[in-house]
Amino acid sequence: MPLWRRPGFLVRRLHQIHGAMFAEECASFDITPVQYAVMTTLAHQPDCDQNSLAVEVGLDRTNAADVLRRLARQGLVLRRASGLDRRRVLSRLTPRGTTILEAMQGAMVRAQQRLVAPLADVEREQFLATMLKLIEANDPTLPPRRANGRPTQAQK
């Protein structure tokens, strides 16, 4: 099978392209795409535990812990033991983390728009729907998603 007909190769290549676009647009913030994904998740799910965060963002627990430690060192995330289970570490954005996340919004949107700019509006929606379908079919850790990308109430 030729390289440019392999879905895995194309996904990896597109990921590299998007990573470069994100880095260009968001360079002044010194935040990686994975850190941005973690911060976005914490903005929507404050006091999220490390395991839930790892599943949501698609990281293993060790990498999630490393990302959270780096964000905490930067003063963007606050981590604390759960009052109910001291083994669980809960994380939330600090006010500084929220400010940076909000300041990055425009740059992040530009990176996303640049990536799909060659596609017509209907193709963009099809592209997103196809990616979600492939992720849901191939990632058993994820609950079913609604069109807005959030888990259904039954899965929360």
Protein backbone atom coordinates (compact mmCIF):
# COMPACT_ATOMS: atom_id res chain seq x y z
CA MET A 1 0.00 0.00 0.00
CA PRO A 2 1.51 3.37 -0.96
CA LEU A 3 2.41 5.66 1.94
CA TRP A 4 -0.06 8.38 0.92
CA ARG A 5 -2.94 5.85 0.92
CA ARG A 6 -2.33 4.75 4.52
CA PRO A 7 -4.81 6.32 6.95
CA GLY A 8 -2.40 6.05 9.90
CA PHE A 9 0.36 7.85 8.02
CA LEU A 10 -2.03 10.58 6.87
CA VAL A 11 -3.39 11.09 10.40
CA ARG A 12 0.14 11.37 11.78
CA ARG A 13 1.15 13.77 9.02
CA LEU A 14 -1.93 15.96 9.58
CA HIS A 15 -1.20 15.95 13.30
CA GLN A 16 2.33 17.19 12.60
CA ILE A 17 0.98 19.95 10.36
CA HIS A 18 -1.54 21.04 12.97
CA GLY A 19 1.13 20.97 15.69
CA ALA A 20 3.25 23.36 13.63
CA MET A 21 0.27 25.66 13.02
CA PHE A 22 -0.62 25.64 16.71
CA ALA A 23 3.00 26.41 17.62
CA GLU A 24 3.08 29.34 15.19
CA GLU A 25 -0.20 30.83 16.33
CA CYS A 26 0.33 30.21 20.06
CA ALA A 27 4.12 30.75 20.29
CA SER A 28 3.86 33.71 22.67
CA PHE A 29 2.04 31.62 25.29
CA ASP A 30 4.57 28.76 25.63
CA ILE A 31 1.74 26.21 25.91
CA THR A 32 1.69 22.94 23.95
CA PRO A 33 -1.43 21.53 22.27
CA VAL A 34 -1.65 18.81 24.94
CA GLN A 35 -1.31 21.36 27.75
CA TYR A 36 -4.00 23.45 26.05
CA ALA A 37 -6.29 20.39 25.85
CA VAL A 38 -5.75 19.71 29.57
CA MET A 39 -6.44 23.34 30.45
CA THR A 40 -9.59 23.36 28.31
CA THR A 41 -10.83 20.21 30.01
CA LEU A 42 -10.17 21.70 33.46
CA ALA A 43 -12.04 24.86 32.46
CA HIS A 44 -15.12 22.72 31.74
CA GLN A 45 -14.55 20.16 34.52
CA PRO A 46 -12.97 21.86 37.55
CA ASP A 47 -11.68 19.52 40.25
CA CYS A 48 -11.20 16.75 37.73
CA ASP A 49 -9.18 13.77 38.88
CA GLN A 50 -6.08 12.71 36.99
CA ASN A 51 -7.56 9.45 35.64
CA SER A 52 -10.70 11.12 34.27
CA LEU A 53 -8.59 13.86 32.74
CA ALA A 54 -6.31 11.29 31.09
CA VAL A 55 -9.29 9.52 29.50
CA GLU A 56 -10.86 12.78 28.33
CA VAL A 57 -7.68 14.09 26.70
CA GLY A 58 -6.44 10.70 25.47
CA LEU A 59 -3.31 10.42 27.61
CA ASP A 60 -2.03 7.67 29.82
CA ARG A 61 -2.05 8.44 33.55
CA THR A 62 1.70 9.01 33.74
CA ASN A 63 1.71 11.55 30.92
CA ALA A 64 -1.34 13.27 32.40
CA ALA A 65 0.47 13.56 35.73
CA ASP A 66 3.55 15.01 33.99
CA VAL A 67 1.48 17.60 32.12
CA LEU A 68 -0.35 18.57 35.30
CA ARG A 69 2.94 18.95 37.20
CA ARG A 70 4.34 21.23 34.49
CA LEU A 71 1.18 23.34 34.45
CA ALA A 72 1.24 23.53 38.27
CA ARG A 73 4.88 24.68 38.21
CA GLN A 74 3.86 27.43 35.80
CA GLY A 75 1.12 28.51 38.22
CA LEU A 76 -1.65 27.58 35.77
CA VAL A 77 -3.13 24.61 37.63
CA LEU A 78 -3.80 23.94 41.30
CA ARG A 79 -3.60 20.31 42.44
CA ARG A 80 -4.90 18.97 45.74
CA ALA A 81 -5.82 15.67 47.32
CA SER A 82 -9.51 14.81 47.30
CA GLY A 83 -11.25 15.24 50.63
CA LEU A 84 -13.08 11.93 50.08
CA ASP A 85 -10.15 9.84 48.85
CA ARG A 86 -6.65 11.15 49.60
CA ARG A 87 -5.24 8.94 46.81
CA ARG A 88 -7.13 10.95 44.19
CA VAL A 89 -5.52 14.19 43.09
CA LEU A 90 -7.95 16.82 41.85
CA SER A 91 -6.89 19.62 39.53
CA ARG A 92 -8.36 22.95 38.56
CA LEU A 93 -7.21 26.03 36.71
CA THR A 94 -5.82 28.88 38.74
CA PRO A 95 -7.06 32.39 37.94
CA ARG A 96 -3.82 32.85 35.95
CA GLY A 97 -4.53 29.60 34.07
CA THR A 98 -8.03 30.81 33.21
CA THR A 99 -6.65 34.15 32.02
CA ILE A 100 -4.09 32.47 29.75
CA LEU A 101 -6.64 30.02 28.40
CA GLU A 102 -8.96 32.89 27.52
CA ALA A 103 -6.10 34.92 26.00
CA MET A 104 -5.12 31.93 23.83
CA GLN A 105 -8.61 31.45 22.42
CA GLY A 106 -8.09 33.58 19.32
CA ALA A 107 -4.72 32.02 18.48
CA MET A 108 -6.07 28.50 18.97
CA VAL A 109 -9.08 29.23 16.75
CA ARG A 110 -6.76 30.59 14.04
CA ALA A 111 -4.74 27.36 14.14
CA GLN A 112 -7.91 25.27 13.81
CA GLN A 113 -9.22 27.45 10.99
CA ARG A 114 -5.92 27.29 9.11
CA LEU A 115 -5.98 23.52 9.26
CA VAL A 116 -9.41 23.17 7.66
CA ALA A 117 -9.28 26.28 5.46
CA PRO A 118 -8.95 24.25 2.24
CA LEU A 119 -12.30 22.54 2.97
CA ALA A 120 -15.74 23.91 2.17
CA ASP A 121 -18.06 24.33 5.18
CA VAL A 122 -19.91 21.08 4.46
CA GLU A 123 -16.59 19.24 4.06
CA ARG A 124 -15.42 20.59 7.43
CA GLU A 125 -18.49 19.17 9.15
CA GLN A 126 -18.04 15.84 7.35
CA PHE A 127 -14.35 15.78 8.29
CA LEU A 128 -15.12 16.38 11.98
CA ALA A 129 -17.94 13.83 11.96
CA THR A 130 -15.69 11.23 10.30
CA MET A 131 -12.87 11.82 12.78
CA LEU A 132 -15.28 11.50 15.74
CA LYS A 133 -16.72 8.32 14.25
CA LEU A 134 -13.26 6.78 13.87
CA ILE A 135 -12.22 7.81 17.38
CA GLU A 136 -15.40 6.47 18.96
CA ALA A 137 -15.14 3.19 17.03
CA ASN A 138 -11.48 2.64 17.93
CA ASP A 139 -11.12 4.04 21.46
CA PRO A 140 -12.95 1.86 23.99
CA THR A 141 -12.14 4.27 26.85
CA LEU A 142 -14.41 7.01 25.51
CA PRO A 143 -18.13 7.24 26.24
CA PRO A 144 -20.47 8.02 23.32
CA ARG A 145 -20.44 11.71 22.37
CA ARG A 146 -23.06 14.18 21.33
CA ALA A 147 -22.57 16.39 18.30
CA ASN A 148 -21.00 19.11 20.49
CA GLY A 149 -18.31 16.62 21.57
CA ARG A 150 -19.40 16.32 25.20
CA PRO A 151 -20.46 13.02 26.80
CA THR A 152 -24.16 12.31 27.03
CA GLN A 153 -25.70 12.82 30.49
CA ALA A 154 -25.89 9.07 31.01
CA GLN A 155 -22.11 8.79 30.56
CA LYS A 156 -21.10 11.59 32.96
